[in-house]
Amino acid sequence: MPQLTIRGIAPERVIAISEALVRQLADVCGCGTDNFTFDCLQTVSAMDGKRVDTYPFVEVAWFERGMQTRDRFAETITKHLLAAGVPEVEIAFKVYSEEGYYINGMRCDAL
């Protein structure tokens, strides 16, 4: 269920790396590749009254898997984005709880 929301990176770059990236992330998490979503946001950033480039940023929403898995997950994303020509990237994790996440009206902790 890891959901990656990506901004400041051209969708074409993400698409180009998405197949290899999702395979490696699935290995890190020990789950299938069909558990992932990648959403590329088209954003407009402004500073000092001018339009500026959006800083490359990836937000990962998921159920916590521990610091070691989180570190490997971030390293994998970073490696692929740097290889795709993104000069620098920041990653933040947003953690969902199973009792607060619902699928078809059912809490995940009840499934």
Protein backbone atom coordinates (compact mmCIF):
# COMPACT_ATOMS: atom_id res chain seq x y z
CA MET A 1 0.00 0.00 0.00
CA PRO A 2 2.88 2.43 -0.08
CA GLN A 3 1.66 5.51 -1.92
CA LEU A 4 4.33 7.79 -3.36
CA THR A 5 3.31 11.37 -4.11
CA ILE A 6 5.99 13.07 -6.19
CA ARG A 7 6.36 16.73 -7.03
CA GLY A 8 9.06 18.81 -8.67
CA ILE A 9 10.11 15.90 -10.91
CA ALA A 10 8.92 15.57 -14.49
CA PRO A 11 6.43 12.71 -14.85
CA GLU A 12 8.49 11.37 -17.78
CA ARG A 13 11.45 10.83 -15.44
CA VAL A 14 9.29 8.99 -12.93
CA ILE A 15 7.68 6.86 -15.64
CA ALA A 16 11.12 5.94 -17.03
CA ILE A 17 12.30 4.55 -13.68
CA SER A 18 8.99 3.29 -12.34
CA GLU A 19 9.26 -0.35 -13.42
CA ALA A 20 12.70 -1.00 -11.89
CA LEU A 21 11.94 1.18 -8.89
CA VAL A 22 8.71 -0.58 -7.95
CA ARG A 23 10.39 -4.00 -8.23
CA GLN A 24 13.14 -2.94 -5.83
CA LEU A 25 10.70 -1.27 -3.42
CA ALA A 26 8.60 -4.44 -3.39
CA ASP A 27 11.72 -6.42 -2.49
CA VAL A 28 12.50 -3.97 0.33
CA CYS A 29 8.96 -4.27 1.71
CA GLY A 30 8.48 -7.97 1.01
CA CYS A 31 5.25 -7.39 -0.90
CA GLY A 32 3.94 -7.47 -4.46
CA THR A 33 4.51 -4.70 -6.98
CA ASP A 34 0.74 -4.19 -7.23
CA ASN A 35 0.71 -2.69 -3.71
CA PHE A 36 2.28 0.60 -4.86
CA THR A 37 0.96 3.80 -6.36
CA PHE A 38 3.07 6.61 -7.84
CA ASP A 39 1.32 9.94 -8.27
CA CYS A 40 3.17 12.78 -10.02
CA LEU A 41 1.75 16.15 -9.04
CA GLN A 42 1.93 19.07 -11.43
CA THR A 43 2.61 22.00 -9.11
CA VAL A 44 3.35 25.67 -9.45
CA SER A 45 5.76 27.13 -6.92
CA ALA A 46 6.24 30.83 -6.23
CA MET A 47 8.75 32.92 -4.32
CA ASP A 48 9.33 36.65 -4.19
CA GLY A 49 6.53 37.31 -6.66
CA LYS A 50 7.97 34.95 -9.28
CA ARG A 51 7.31 31.46 -10.49
CA VAL A 52 10.15 29.14 -9.47
CA ASP A 53 11.01 25.49 -10.02
CA THR A 54 9.36 23.16 -7.54
CA TYR A 55 11.84 21.43 -5.28
CA PRO A 56 12.03 17.65 -5.87
CA PHE A 57 10.08 16.03 -3.05
CA VAL A 58 8.62 12.57 -2.47
CA GLU A 59 6.05 11.87 0.22
CA VAL A 60 5.57 8.20 1.12
CA ALA A 61 2.30 7.29 2.83
CA TRP A 62 2.35 3.79 4.30
CA PHE A 63 1.97 1.51 7.29
CA GLU A 64 5.17 1.70 9.33
CA ARG A 65 7.63 -1.09 8.60
CA GLY A 66 10.49 -0.11 10.93
CA MET A 67 13.51 2.14 10.63
CA GLN A 68 15.68 -0.34 8.74
CA THR A 69 13.03 -0.86 6.04
CA ARG A 70 12.30 2.88 5.94
CA ASP A 71 16.01 3.64 5.45
CA ARG A 72 16.33 1.09 2.65
CA PHE A 73 13.12 2.39 1.02
CA ALA A 74 14.42 5.99 1.04
CA GLU A 75 17.85 4.89 -0.23
CA THR A 76 16.22 2.99 -3.11
CA ILE A 77 14.08 5.96 -4.17
CA THR A 78 17.04 8.33 -3.90
CA LYS A 79 19.34 6.06 -5.95
CA HIS A 80 16.83 5.80 -8.79
CA LEU A 81 16.00 9.51 -8.89
CA LEU A 82 19.65 10.57 -8.82
CA ALA A 83 20.38 8.12 -11.66
CA ALA A 84 17.48 9.69 -13.60
CA GLY A 85 19.18 13.09 -13.38
CA VAL A 86 17.33 14.60 -10.44
CA PRO A 87 20.10 16.58 -8.69
CA GLU A 88 18.71 16.37 -5.17
CA VAL A 89 15.60 14.94 -3.55
CA GLU A 90 13.94 14.96 -0.17
CA ILE A 91 11.68 12.19 1.08
CA ALA A 92 9.21 12.27 3.98
CA PHE A 93 7.15 9.43 5.39
CA LYS A 94 3.54 9.78 6.49
CA VAL A 95 2.46 6.82 8.61
CA TYR A 96 -1.07 5.45 8.62
CA SER A 97 -2.46 3.29 11.41
CA GLU A 98 -4.39 0.17 10.49
CA GLU A 99 -7.26 1.23 12.76
CA GLY A 100 -7.52 4.57 10.94
CA TYR A 101 -7.31 3.21 7.38
CA TYR A 102 -10.44 1.87 5.70
CA ILE A 103 -10.87 -0.29 2.59
CA ASN A 104 -14.45 -0.49 1.29
CA GLY A 105 -15.71 0.77 4.63
CA MET A 106 -13.80 -1.80 6.69
CA ARG A 107 -10.96 -0.89 9.04
CA CYS A 108 -7.71 -2.58 8.04
CA ASP A 109 -7.20 -3.88 11.56
CA ALA A 110 -10.55 -5.71 11.24
CA LEU A 111 -9.78 -7.37 7.90
